[in-house]
């Protein structure tokens, strides 16, 4: 596993702390990992939706999703 050190705003730091205090994340690293996972999943869904809008798109949508 790789460790990153990044600057964040005080607002984001407070949000991360609130996630930990509320039990939605087990620690700060967990909160950030969950946020990045959510972002990656959102990007994948958006890519599938964008591909679905392509006028010359052919094939099964499930097969196309597996390629992304």
PDB file of N, CA and C in Angstrom:
ATOM      1  N   UNK A   1       0.848  -1.169   0.000  1.00  0.00           N
ATOM      2  CA  UNK A   1       0.000   0.000   0.000  1.00  0.00           C
ATOM      3  C   UNK A   1       0.894   1.232   0.000  1.00  0.00           C
ATOM      4  N   UNK A   2       0.493   2.243  -0.750  1.00  0.00           N
ATOM      5  CA  UNK A   2       1.233   3.488  -0.844  1.00  0.00           C
ATOM      6  C   UNK A   2       0.613   4.530   0.075  1.00  0.00           C
ATOM      7  N   UNK A   3       1.445   5.349   0.670  1.00  0.00           N
ATOM      8  CA  UNK A   3       0.977   6.442   1.523  1.00  0.00           C
ATOM      9  C   UNK A   3       1.163   7.755   0.781  1.00  0.00           C
ATOM     10  N   UNK A   4       0.136   8.593   0.814  1.00  0.00           N
ATOM     11  CA  UNK A   4       0.190   9.912   0.199  1.00  0.00           C
ATOM     12  C   UNK A   4       0.056  10.972   1.275  1.00  0.00           C
ATOM     13  N   UNK A   5       0.716  12.070   1.056  1.00  0.00           N
ATOM     14  CA  UNK A   5       0.578  13.219   1.938  1.00  0.00           C
ATOM     15  C   UNK A   5       0.101  14.371   1.073  1.00  0.00           C
ATOM     16  N   UNK A   6      -1.113  14.844   1.339  1.00  0.00           N
ATOM     17  CA  UNK A   6      -1.686  15.906   0.512  1.00  0.00           C
ATOM     18  C   UNK A   6      -2.258  17.012   1.392  1.00  0.00           C
ATOM     19  N   UNK A   7      -2.135  18.237   0.940  1.00  0.00           N
ATOM     20  CA  UNK A   7      -2.762  19.325   1.686  1.00  0.00           C
ATOM     21  C   UNK A   7      -4.265  19.347   1.396  1.00  0.00           C
ATOM     22  N   UNK A   8      -5.063  19.580   2.420  1.00  0.00           N
ATOM     23  CA  UNK A   8      -6.512  19.717   2.249  1.00  0.00           C
ATOM     24  C   UNK A   8      -6.977  20.946   3.023  1.00  0.00           C
ATOM     25  N   UNK A   9      -8.134  21.441   2.648  1.00  0.00           N
ATOM     26  CA  UNK A   9      -8.674  22.619   3.332  1.00  0.00           C
ATOM     27  C   UNK A   9      -9.138  22.240   4.736  1.00  0.00           C
ATOM     28  N   UNK A  10      -9.277  23.233   5.575  1.00  0.00           N
ATOM     29  CA  UNK A  10      -9.753  22.976   6.933  1.00  0.00           C
ATOM     30  C   UNK A  10     -11.183  22.448   6.919  1.00  0.00           C
ATOM     31  N   UNK A  11     -11.953  22.845   5.910  1.00  0.00           N
ATOM     32  CA  UNK A  11     -13.327  22.357   5.787  1.00  0.00           C
ATOM     33  C   UNK A  11     -13.343  20.856   5.496  1.00  0.00           C
ATOM     34  N   UNK A  12     -12.465  20.414   4.593  1.00  0.00           N
ATOM     35  CA  UNK A  12     -12.393  18.984   4.289  1.00  0.00           C
ATOM     36  C   UNK A  12     -11.875  18.194   5.490  1.00  0.00           C
ATOM     37  N   UNK A  13     -10.911  18.755   6.189  1.00  0.00           N
ATOM     38  CA  UNK A  13     -10.386  18.095   7.385  1.00  0.00           C
ATOM     39  C   UNK A  13     -11.498  17.929   8.416  1.00  0.00           C
ATOM     40  N   UNK A  14     -12.298  18.960   8.604  1.00  0.00           N
ATOM     41  CA  UNK A  14     -13.413  18.895   9.558  1.00  0.00           C
ATOM     42  C   UNK A  14     -14.444  17.865   9.107  1.00  0.00           C
ATOM     43  N   UNK A  15     -14.691  17.789   7.808  1.00  0.00           N
ATOM     44  CA  UNK A  15     -15.640  16.808   7.281  1.00  0.00           C
ATOM     45  C   UNK A  15     -15.131  15.389   7.542  1.00  0.00           C
ATOM     46  N   UNK A  16     -13.858  15.161   7.296  1.00  0.00           N
ATOM     47  CA  UNK A  16     -13.266  13.844   7.535  1.00  0.00           C
ATOM     48  C   UNK A  16     -13.383  13.486   9.019  1.00  0.00           C
ATOM     49  N   UNK A  17     -13.070  14.438   9.874  1.00  0.00           N
ATOM     50  CA  UNK A  17     -13.195  14.205  11.321  1.00  0.00           C
ATOM     51  C   UNK A  17     -14.628  13.856  11.700  1.00  0.00           C
ATOM     52  N   UNK A  18     -15.600  14.539  11.082  1.00  0.00           N
ATOM     53  CA  UNK A  18     -17.000  14.256  11.406  1.00  0.00           C
ATOM     54  C   UNK A  18     -17.406  12.855  10.954  1.00  0.00           C
ATOM     55  N   UNK A  19     -16.853  12.383   9.841  1.00  0.00           N
ATOM     56  CA  UNK A  19     -17.134  11.020   9.388  1.00  0.00           C
ATOM     57  C   UNK A  19     -16.598   9.997  10.383  1.00  0.00           C
ATOM     58  N   UNK A  20     -15.415  10.272  10.912  1.00  0.00           N
ATOM     59  CA  UNK A  20     -14.821   9.362  11.885  1.00  0.00           C
ATOM     60  C   UNK A  20     -15.608   9.400  13.192  1.00  0.00           C
ATOM     61  N   UNK A  21     -15.919  10.601  13.679  1.00  0.00           N
ATOM     62  CA  UNK A  21     -16.647  10.737  14.944  1.00  0.00           C
ATOM     63  C   UNK A  21     -18.033  10.115  14.879  1.00  0.00           C
ATOM     64  N   UNK A  22     -18.685  10.194  13.713  1.00  0.00           N
ATOM     65  CA  UNK A  22     -20.030   9.636  13.579  1.00  0.00           C
ATOM     66  C   UNK A  22     -20.011   8.124  13.347  1.00  0.00           C
ATOM     67  N   UNK A  23     -18.826   7.564  13.122  1.00  0.00           N
ATOM     68  CA  UNK A  23     -18.720   6.134  12.893  1.00  0.00           C
ATOM     69  C   UNK A  23     -18.899   5.717  11.445  1.00  0.00           C
ATOM     70  N   UNK A  24     -19.056   6.680  10.556  1.00  0.00           N
ATOM     71  CA  UNK A  24     -19.216   6.350   9.136  1.00  0.00           C
ATOM     72  C   UNK A  24     -17.902   5.923   8.514  1.00  0.00           C
ATOM     73  N   UNK A  25     -16.790   6.238   9.155  1.00  0.00           N
ATOM     74  CA  UNK A  25     -15.456   5.797   8.735  1.00  0.00           C
ATOM     75  C   UNK A  25     -14.701   5.406  10.000  1.00  0.00           C
ATOM     76  N   UNK A  26     -13.859   4.383   9.877  1.00  0.00           N
ATOM     77  CA  UNK A  26     -13.162   3.921  11.083  1.00  0.00           C
ATOM     78  C   UNK A  26     -11.996   4.827  11.478  1.00  0.00           C
ATOM     79  N   UNK A  27     -11.437   5.531  10.498  1.00  0.00           N
ATOM     80  CA  UNK A  27     -10.361   6.483  10.763  1.00  0.00           C
ATOM     81  C   UNK A  27     -10.246   7.427   9.559  1.00  0.00           C
ATOM     82  N   UNK A  28      -9.311   8.367   9.635  1.00  0.00           N
ATOM     83  CA  UNK A  28      -9.182   9.358   8.558  1.00  0.00           C
ATOM     84  C   UNK A  28      -8.840   8.706   7.226  1.00  0.00           C
ATOM     85  N   UNK A  29      -7.918   7.750   7.254  1.00  0.00           N
ATOM     86  CA  UNK A  29      -7.512   7.077   6.021  1.00  0.00           C
ATOM     87  C   UNK A  29      -8.691   6.332   5.401  1.00  0.00           C
ATOM     88  N   UNK A  30      -9.503   5.697   6.235  1.00  0.00           N
ATOM     89  CA  UNK A  30     -10.683   4.986   5.746  1.00  0.00           C
ATOM     90  C   UNK A  30     -11.651   5.951   5.070  1.00  0.00           C
ATOM     91  N   UNK A  31     -11.834   7.126   5.656  1.00  0.00           N
ATOM     92  CA  UNK A  31     -12.734   8.129   5.078  1.00  0.00           C
ATOM     93  C   UNK A  31     -12.255   8.554   3.690  1.00  0.00           C
ATOM     94  N   UNK A  32     -10.956   8.791   3.559  1.00  0.00           N
ATOM     95  CA  UNK A  32     -10.404   9.215   2.270  1.00  0.00           C
ATOM     96  C   UNK A  32     -10.475   8.077   1.259  1.00  0.00           C
ATOM     97  N   UNK A  33     -10.149   6.860   1.688  1.00  0.00           N
ATOM     98  CA  UNK A  33     -10.241   5.711   0.773  1.00  0.00           C
ATOM     99  C   UNK A  33     -11.664   5.522   0.272  1.00  0.00           C
ATOM    100  N   UNK A  34     -12.645   5.649   1.171  1.00  0.00           N
ATOM    101  CA  UNK A  34     -14.050   5.504   0.771  1.00  0.00           C
ATOM    102  C   UNK A  34     -14.448   6.594  -0.223  1.00  0.00           C
ATOM    103  N   UNK A  35     -13.994   7.808   0.013  1.00  0.00           N
ATOM    104  CA  UNK A  35     -14.308   8.920  -0.895  1.00  0.00           C
ATOM    105  C   UNK A  35     -13.715   8.672  -2.277  1.00  0.00           C
ATOM    106  N   UNK A  36     -12.482   8.196  -2.322  1.00  0.00           N
ATOM    107  CA  UNK A  36     -11.844   7.928  -3.612  1.00  0.00           C
ATOM    108  C   UNK A  36     -12.506   6.756  -4.327  1.00  0.00           C
ATOM    109  N   UNK A  37     -12.905   5.741  -3.577  1.00  0.00           N
ATOM    110  CA  UNK A  37     -13.614   4.608  -4.171  1.00  0.00           C
ATOM    111  C   UNK A  37     -14.941   5.066  -4.755  1.00  0.00           C
ATOM    112  N   UNK A  38     -15.662   5.882  -4.001  1.00  0.00           N
ATOM    113  CA  UNK A  38     -16.938   6.422  -4.482  1.00  0.00           C
ATOM    114  C   UNK A  38     -16.718   7.234  -5.758  1.00  0.00           C
ATOM    115  N   UNK A  39     -15.686   8.050  -5.785  1.00  0.00           N
ATOM    116  CA  UNK A  39     -15.386   8.870  -6.956  1.00  0.00           C
ATOM    117  C   UNK A  39     -15.064   7.988  -8.164  1.00  0.00           C
ATOM    118  N   UNK A  40     -14.268   6.948  -7.960  1.00  0.00           N
ATOM    119  CA  UNK A  40     -13.921   6.030  -9.057  1.00  0.00           C
ATOM    120  C   UNK A  40     -15.162   5.329  -9.597  1.00  0.00           C
ATOM    121  N   UNK A  41     -16.051   4.904  -8.694  1.00  0.00           N
ATOM    122  CA  UNK A  41     -17.292   4.249  -9.132  1.00  0.00           C
ATOM    123  C   UNK A  41     -18.174   5.222  -9.905  1.00  0.00           C
ATOM    124  N   UNK A  42     -18.241   6.461  -9.437  1.00  0.00           N
ATOM    125  CA  UNK A  42     -19.033   7.484 -10.122  1.00  0.00           C
ATOM    126  C   UNK A  42     -18.493   7.728 -11.536  1.00  0.00           C
ATOM    127  N   UNK A  43     -17.168   7.767 -11.668  1.00  0.00           N
ATOM    128  CA  UNK A  43     -16.564   7.958 -12.985  1.00  0.00           C
ATOM    129  C   UNK A  43     -16.885   6.794 -13.914  1.00  0.00           C
ATOM    130  N   UNK A  44     -16.874   5.573 -13.397  1.00  0.00           N
ATOM    131  CA  UNK A  44     -17.198   4.398 -14.212  1.00  0.00           C
ATOM    132  C   UNK A  44     -18.645   4.441 -14.671  1.00  0.00           C
ATOM    133  N   UNK A  45     -19.547   4.806 -13.781  1.00  0.00           N
ATOM    134  CA  UNK A  45     -20.967   4.906 -14.146  1.00  0.00           C
ATOM    135  C   UNK A  45     -21.152   5.988 -15.200  1.00  0.00           C
ATOM    136  N   UNK A  46     -20.498   7.124 -15.018  1.00  0.00           N
ATOM    137  CA  UNK A  46     -20.611   8.200 -16.003  1.00  0.00           C
ATOM    138  C   UNK A  46     -20.069   7.782 -17.359  1.00  0.00           C
ATOM    139  N   UNK A  47     -19.006   6.994 -17.383  1.00  0.00           N
ATOM    140  CA  UNK A  47     -18.454   6.511 -18.650  1.00  0.00           C
ATOM    141  C   UNK A  47     -19.448   5.600 -19.358  1.00  0.00           C
ATOM    142  N   UNK A  48     -20.121   4.749 -18.594  1.00  0.00           N
ATOM    143  CA  UNK A  48     -21.128   3.858 -19.190  1.00  0.00           C
ATOM    144  C   UNK A  48     -22.300   4.674 -19.717  1.00  0.00           C
ATOM    145  N   UNK A  49     -22.753   5.641 -18.950  1.00  0.00           N
ATOM    146  CA  UNK A  49     -23.876   6.479 -19.393  1.00  0.00           C
ATOM    147  C   UNK A  49     -23.506   7.273 -20.643  1.00  0.00           C
ATOM    148  N   UNK A  50     -22.287   7.769 -20.682  1.00  0.00           N
ATOM    149  CA  UNK A  50     -21.827   8.512 -21.858  1.00  0.00           C
ATOM    150  C   UNK A  50     -21.768   7.581 -23.073  1.00  0.00           C
ATOM    151  N   UNK A  51     -21.260   6.380 -22.882  1.00  0.00           N
ATOM    152  CA  UNK A  51     -21.183   5.417 -23.983  1.00  0.00           C
ATOM    153  C   UNK A  51     -22.577   5.049 -24.479  1.00  0.00           C
ATOM    154  N   UNK A  52     -23.508   4.987 -23.568  1.00  0.00           N
ATOM    155  CA  UNK A  52     -24.889   4.647 -23.928  1.00  0.00           C
ATOM    156  C   UNK A  52     -25.493   5.720 -24.834  1.00  0.00           C
ATOM    157  N   UNK A  53     -25.035   6.945 -24.705  1.00  0.00           N
ATOM    158  CA  UNK A  53     -25.563   8.046 -25.521  1.00  0.00           C
ATOM    159  C   UNK A  53     -24.950   8.097 -26.914  1.00  0.00           C
ATOM    160  N   UNK A  54     -23.903   7.324 -27.146  1.00  0.00           N
ATOM    161  CA  UNK A  54     -23.243   7.316 -28.459  1.00  0.00           C
ATOM    162  C   UNK A  54     -24.229   6.816 -29.516  1.00  0.00           C
ATOM    163  N   UNK A  55     -24.379   7.552 -30.609  1.00  0.00           N
ATOM    164  CA  UNK A  55     -25.375   7.176 -31.624  1.00  0.00           C
ATOM    165  C   UNK A  55     -25.041   5.881 -32.349  1.00  0.00           C
ATOM    166  N   UNK A  56     -23.779   5.540 -32.497  1.00  0.00           N
ATOM    167  CA  UNK A  56     -23.409   4.334 -33.235  1.00  0.00           C
ATOM    168  C   UNK A  56     -23.034   3.186 -32.307  1.00  0.00           C
ATOM    169  N   UNK A  57     -23.479   3.265 -31.073  1.00  0.00           N
ATOM    170  CA  UNK A  57     -23.149   2.233 -30.102  1.00  0.00           C
ATOM    171  C   UNK A  57     -23.900   0.956 -30.433  1.00  0.00           C
ATOM    172  N   UNK A  58     -23.154  -0.121 -30.520  1.00  0.00           N
ATOM    173  CA  UNK A  58     -23.771  -1.416 -30.777  1.00  0.00           C
ATOM    174  C   UNK A  58     -23.282  -2.396 -29.739  1.00  0.00           C
ATOM    175  N   UNK A  59     -24.132  -3.307 -29.355  1.00  0.00           N
ATOM    176  CA  UNK A  59     -23.731  -4.351 -28.425  1.00  0.00           C
ATOM    177  C   UNK A  59     -24.529  -4.304 -27.144  1.00  0.00           C
ATOM    178  N   UNK A  60     -24.269  -5.270 -26.334  1.00  0.00           N
ATOM    179  CA  UNK A  60     -24.946  -5.427 -25.059  1.00  0.00           C
ATOM    180  C   UNK A  60     -24.312  -4.475 -24.039  1.00  0.00           C
ATOM    181  N   UNK A  61     -25.134  -3.713 -23.341  1.00  0.00           N
ATOM    182  CA  UNK A  61     -24.635  -2.733 -22.376  1.00  0.00           C
ATOM    183  C   UNK A  61     -23.834  -3.407 -21.264  1.00  0.00           C
ATOM    184  N   UNK A  62     -24.234  -4.601 -20.835  1.00  0.00           N
ATOM    185  CA  UNK A  62     -23.496  -5.316 -19.777  1.00  0.00           C
ATOM    186  C   UNK A  62     -22.091  -5.679 -20.274  1.00  0.00           C
ATOM    187  N   UNK A  63     -21.983  -6.095 -21.523  1.00  0.00           N
ATOM    188  CA  UNK A  63     -20.667  -6.415 -22.088  1.00  0.00           C
ATOM    189  C   UNK A  63     -19.804  -5.173 -22.185  1.00  0.00           C
ATOM    190  N   UNK A  64     -20.413  -4.052 -22.547  1.00  0.00           N
ATOM    191  CA  UNK A  64     -19.678  -2.796 -22.644  1.00  0.00           C
ATOM    192  C   UNK A  64     -19.180  -2.346 -21.268  1.00  0.00           C
ATOM    193  N   UNK A  65     -19.999  -2.521 -20.234  1.00  0.00           N
ATOM    194  CA  UNK A  65     -19.610  -2.123 -18.884  1.00  0.00           C
ATOM    195  C   UNK A  65     -18.387  -2.909 -18.424  1.00  0.00           C
ATOM    196  N   UNK A  66     -18.296  -4.183 -18.806  1.00  0.00           N
ATOM    197  CA  UNK A  66     -17.165  -5.007 -18.394  1.00  0.00           C
ATOM    198  C   UNK A  66     -15.861  -4.509 -18.995  1.00  0.00           C
ATOM    199  N   UNK A  67     -15.953  -3.831 -20.135  1.00  0.00           N
ATOM    200  CA  UNK A  67     -14.748  -3.328 -20.812  1.00  0.00           C
ATOM    201  C   UNK A  67     -14.208  -2.076 -20.149  1.00  0.00           C
ATOM    202  N   UNK A  68     -15.024  -1.416 -19.368  1.00  0.00           N
ATOM    203  CA  UNK A  68     -14.606  -0.144 -18.745  1.00  0.00           C
ATOM    204  C   UNK A  68     -13.833  -0.390 -17.486  1.00  0.00           C
TER     205      UNK A  68
END
